[in-house]
Amino acid sequence: MTFELRQNEVSDRIARNLLPKLAALRIQVPILLRWWQRRETEQALQWLSDRDLADIGIARHGIRELARSQAQMDARSAKGRTM
């Protein structure tokens, strides 16, 4: 019985401390995912030659802005799907 009591006591303490962290994580995960996707887009475009970029209408100096605008559009469309 003492073991069960301690186990419940420990789980209550963990739950109390863990819930605010999970709530914060819920907010941060989408931010991290958007950052990761933006980074992946930038890296993929950086690997293309100048000719390939010109073929798709992108200047090398515009890669970062393009990746950011794409990430913002993806975020907006994801918000629309959840509502």
N, C-alpha and C. Protein backbone atom coordinates (compact mmCIF):
# COMPACT_ATOMS: atom_id res chain seq x y z
N MET A 1 0.83 -1.20 0.00
CA MET A 1 0.00 0.00 0.00
C MET A 1 0.87 1.26 0.00
N THR A 2 1.96 1.21 0.71
CA THR A 2 2.84 2.38 0.74
C THR A 2 3.40 2.65 -0.65
N PHE A 3 3.75 1.59 -1.36
CA PHE A 3 4.29 1.74 -2.70
C PHE A 3 3.26 2.39 -3.63
N GLU A 4 2.00 1.91 -3.55
CA GLU A 4 0.95 2.48 -4.39
C GLU A 4 0.72 3.95 -4.04
N LEU A 5 0.77 4.26 -2.78
CA LEU A 5 0.59 5.64 -2.35
C LEU A 5 1.70 6.52 -2.90
N ARG A 6 2.93 6.05 -2.81
CA ARG A 6 4.06 6.82 -3.33
C ARG A 6 3.97 6.96 -4.84
N GLN A 7 3.55 5.89 -5.49
CA GLN A 7 3.44 5.93 -6.95
C GLN A 7 2.41 6.99 -7.38
N ASN A 8 1.28 7.03 -6.70
CA ASN A 8 0.26 8.04 -7.00
C ASN A 8 0.78 9.44 -6.70
N GLU A 9 1.51 9.57 -5.61
CA GLU A 9 2.06 10.86 -5.23
C GLU A 9 3.05 11.36 -6.28
N VAL A 10 3.89 10.47 -6.75
CA VAL A 10 4.88 10.83 -7.78
C VAL A 10 4.17 11.19 -9.08
N SER A 11 3.20 10.39 -9.48
CA SER A 11 2.50 10.67 -10.74
C SER A 11 1.73 11.99 -10.65
N ASP A 12 1.19 12.33 -9.48
CA ASP A 12 0.51 13.62 -9.31
C ASP A 12 1.50 14.78 -9.46
N ARG A 13 2.67 14.63 -8.90
CA ARG A 13 3.69 15.68 -9.02
C ARG A 13 4.13 15.84 -10.46
N ILE A 14 4.33 14.72 -11.12
CA ILE A 14 4.77 14.78 -12.52
C ILE A 14 3.69 15.42 -13.37
N ALA A 15 2.45 15.02 -13.17
CA ALA A 15 1.34 15.57 -13.96
C ALA A 15 1.22 17.07 -13.74
N ARG A 16 1.37 17.51 -12.52
CA ARG A 16 1.27 18.93 -12.22
C ARG A 16 2.36 19.72 -12.93
N ASN A 17 3.57 19.19 -12.97
CA ASN A 17 4.68 19.89 -13.62
C ASN A 17 4.67 19.70 -15.13
N LEU A 18 4.12 18.60 -15.59
CA LEU A 18 4.19 18.28 -17.00
C LEU A 18 3.13 18.99 -17.84
N LEU A 19 1.97 19.20 -17.28
CA LEU A 19 0.87 19.80 -18.04
C LEU A 19 1.21 21.18 -18.61
N PRO A 20 1.79 22.10 -17.84
CA PRO A 20 2.14 23.39 -18.43
C PRO A 20 3.21 23.25 -19.53
N LYS A 21 4.11 22.31 -19.35
CA LYS A 21 5.15 22.10 -20.36
C LYS A 21 4.54 21.53 -21.64
N LEU A 22 3.60 20.63 -21.50
CA LEU A 22 2.94 20.09 -22.68
C LEU A 22 2.13 21.16 -23.41
N ALA A 23 1.51 22.04 -22.65
CA ALA A 23 0.75 23.13 -23.26
C ALA A 23 1.68 24.05 -24.04
N ALA A 24 2.83 24.35 -23.48
CA ALA A 24 3.81 25.18 -24.18
C ALA A 24 4.33 24.45 -25.41
N LEU A 25 4.53 23.17 -25.30
CA LEU A 25 5.02 22.38 -26.43
C LEU A 25 4.00 22.35 -27.56
N ARG A 26 2.75 22.32 -27.19
CA ARG A 26 1.67 22.32 -28.19
C ARG A 26 1.74 23.58 -29.06
N ILE A 27 2.15 24.67 -28.46
CA ILE A 27 2.28 25.92 -29.20
C ILE A 27 3.56 25.92 -30.02
N GLN A 28 4.63 25.35 -29.50
CA GLN A 28 5.93 25.44 -30.14
C GLN A 28 6.11 24.44 -31.27
N VAL A 29 5.45 23.32 -31.24
CA VAL A 29 5.63 22.31 -32.27
C VAL A 29 5.29 22.83 -33.67
N PRO A 30 4.15 23.48 -33.87
CA PRO A 30 3.88 24.01 -35.21
C PRO A 30 4.93 25.03 -35.68
N ILE A 31 5.43 25.82 -34.74
CA ILE A 31 6.46 26.80 -35.08
C ILE A 31 7.72 26.09 -35.54
N LEU A 32 8.11 25.05 -34.81
CA LEU A 32 9.29 24.29 -35.21
C LEU A 32 9.09 23.60 -36.54
N LEU A 33 7.92 23.07 -36.78
CA LEU A 33 7.65 22.41 -38.06
C LEU A 33 7.72 23.38 -39.22
N ARG A 34 7.17 24.57 -39.04
CA ARG A 34 7.24 25.58 -40.10
C ARG A 34 8.68 25.97 -40.38
N TRP A 35 9.47 26.15 -39.30
CA TRP A 35 10.88 26.49 -39.47
C TRP A 35 11.59 25.38 -40.24
N TRP A 36 11.34 24.13 -39.87
CA TRP A 36 11.99 23.00 -40.52
C TRP A 36 11.62 22.94 -42.01
N GLN A 37 10.36 23.12 -42.32
CA GLN A 37 9.92 23.09 -43.72
C GLN A 37 10.54 24.23 -44.52
N ARG A 38 10.59 25.41 -43.90
CA ARG A 38 11.20 26.56 -44.58
C ARG A 38 12.68 26.29 -44.85
N ARG A 39 13.36 25.73 -43.88
CA ARG A 39 14.78 25.41 -44.02
C ARG A 39 15.00 24.37 -45.11
N GLU A 40 14.15 23.36 -45.15
CA GLU A 40 14.26 22.32 -46.17
C GLU A 40 14.03 22.90 -47.57
N THR A 41 13.06 23.80 -47.69
CA THR A 41 12.78 24.44 -48.97
C THR A 41 13.98 25.27 -49.43
N GLU A 42 14.52 26.06 -48.50
CA GLU A 42 15.69 26.88 -48.83
C GLU A 42 16.86 26.02 -49.29
N GLN A 43 17.13 24.95 -48.56
CA GLN A 43 18.26 24.08 -48.92
C GLN A 43 18.05 23.42 -50.27
N ALA A 44 16.84 22.96 -50.54
CA ALA A 44 16.57 22.31 -51.82
C ALA A 44 16.77 23.28 -52.97
N LEU A 45 16.31 24.52 -52.80
CA LEU A 45 16.47 25.51 -53.86
C LEU A 45 17.92 25.96 -54.01
N GLN A 46 18.65 26.01 -52.91
CA GLN A 46 20.06 26.40 -52.99
C GLN A 46 20.88 25.40 -53.80
N TRP A 47 20.48 24.15 -53.80
CA TRP A 47 21.20 23.12 -54.55
C TRP A 47 21.00 23.23 -56.05
N LEU A 48 19.95 23.92 -56.47
CA LEU A 48 19.69 24.05 -57.90
C LEU A 48 20.70 25.00 -58.55
N SER A 49 20.97 24.77 -59.82
CA SER A 49 21.86 25.67 -60.56
C SER A 49 21.12 26.96 -60.88
N ASP A 50 21.88 27.98 -61.25
CA ASP A 50 21.27 29.25 -61.61
C ASP A 50 20.33 29.08 -62.80
N ARG A 51 20.70 28.22 -63.73
CA ARG A 51 19.86 27.98 -64.90
C ARG A 51 18.53 27.33 -64.49
N ASP A 52 18.60 26.32 -63.59
CA ASP A 52 17.37 25.67 -63.11
C ASP A 52 16.48 26.67 -62.39
N LEU A 53 17.09 27.51 -61.57
CA LEU A 53 16.31 28.53 -60.86
C LEU A 53 15.66 29.50 -61.85
N ALA A 54 16.41 29.89 -62.88
CA ALA A 54 15.85 30.79 -63.89
C ALA A 54 14.69 30.12 -64.63
N ASP A 55 14.80 28.83 -64.86
CA ASP A 55 13.73 28.10 -65.55
C ASP A 55 12.42 28.13 -64.77
N ILE A 56 12.51 28.13 -63.45
CA ILE A 56 11.29 28.16 -62.64
C ILE A 56 10.95 29.57 -62.15
N GLY A 57 11.74 30.55 -62.61
CA GLY A 57 11.42 31.95 -62.32
C GLY A 57 11.83 32.44 -60.95
N ILE A 58 12.93 31.89 -60.43
CA ILE A 58 13.40 32.29 -59.10
C ILE A 58 14.83 32.79 -59.22
N ALA A 59 15.11 33.93 -58.63
CA ALA A 59 16.49 34.42 -58.55
C ALA A 59 17.11 33.89 -57.26
N ARG A 60 18.38 33.61 -57.30
CA ARG A 60 19.05 33.03 -56.12
C ARG A 60 18.87 33.92 -54.89
N HIS A 61 18.92 35.23 -55.07
CA HIS A 61 18.78 36.12 -53.92
C HIS A 61 17.34 36.14 -53.37
N GLY A 62 16.39 35.57 -54.09
CA GLY A 62 15.00 35.56 -53.63
C GLY A 62 14.57 34.25 -52.98
N ILE A 63 15.52 33.33 -52.81
CA ILE A 63 15.17 32.01 -52.27
C ILE A 63 14.61 32.12 -50.85
N ARG A 64 15.26 32.86 -50.01
CA ARG A 64 14.81 32.96 -48.61
C ARG A 64 13.41 33.55 -48.52
N GLU A 65 13.17 34.61 -49.27
CA GLU A 65 11.84 35.24 -49.26
C GLU A 65 10.78 34.29 -49.80
N LEU A 66 11.11 33.57 -50.84
CA LEU A 66 10.17 32.60 -51.41
C LEU A 66 9.82 31.51 -50.39
N ALA A 67 10.84 31.00 -49.70
CA ALA A 67 10.61 29.96 -48.70
C ALA A 67 9.74 30.49 -47.55
N ARG A 68 9.99 31.72 -47.15
CA ARG A 68 9.18 32.31 -46.07
C ARG A 68 7.74 32.50 -46.49
N SER A 69 7.54 33.01 -47.70
CA SER A 69 6.16 33.23 -48.15
C SER A 69 5.43 31.90 -48.33
N GLN A 70 6.14 30.88 -48.79
CA GLN A 70 5.53 29.55 -48.92
C GLN A 70 5.14 29.00 -47.55
N ALA A 71 6.00 29.19 -46.56
CA ALA A 71 5.70 28.72 -45.20
C ALA A 71 4.47 29.44 -44.64
N GLN A 72 4.36 30.74 -44.92
CA GLN A 72 3.19 31.50 -44.44
C GLN A 72 1.91 31.02 -45.11
N MET A 73 1.99 30.74 -46.42
CA MET A 73 0.81 30.23 -47.12
C MET A 73 0.41 28.86 -46.58
N ASP A 74 1.40 28.00 -46.32
CA ASP A 74 1.11 26.69 -45.75
C ASP A 74 0.48 26.80 -44.38
N ALA A 75 0.96 27.73 -43.57
CA ALA A 75 0.40 27.92 -42.23
C ALA A 75 -1.04 28.38 -42.31
N ARG A 76 -1.33 29.30 -43.24
CA ARG A 76 -2.70 29.79 -43.39
C ARG A 76 -3.64 28.68 -43.84
N SER A 77 -3.18 27.87 -44.79
CA SER A 77 -4.05 26.79 -45.28
C SER A 77 -4.25 25.74 -44.19
N ALA A 78 -3.24 25.49 -43.37
CA ALA A 78 -3.39 24.54 -42.26
C ALA A 78 -4.37 25.08 -41.23
N LYS A 79 -4.35 26.38 -40.98
CA LYS A 79 -5.30 26.98 -40.03
C LYS A 79 -6.72 26.83 -40.54
N GLY A 80 -6.90 27.03 -41.82
CA GLY A 80 -8.22 26.92 -42.42
C GLY A 80 -8.78 25.51 -42.33
N ARG A 81 -7.90 24.51 -42.43
CA ARG A 81 -8.35 23.12 -42.34
C ARG A 81 -8.77 22.75 -40.93
N THR A 82 -8.14 23.37 -39.91
CA THR A 82 -8.47 23.01 -38.54
C THR A 82 -9.71 23.71 -38.02
N MET A 83 -10.12 24.78 -38.68
CA MET A 83 -11.29 25.54 -38.19
C MET A 83 -12.57 24.92 -38.65
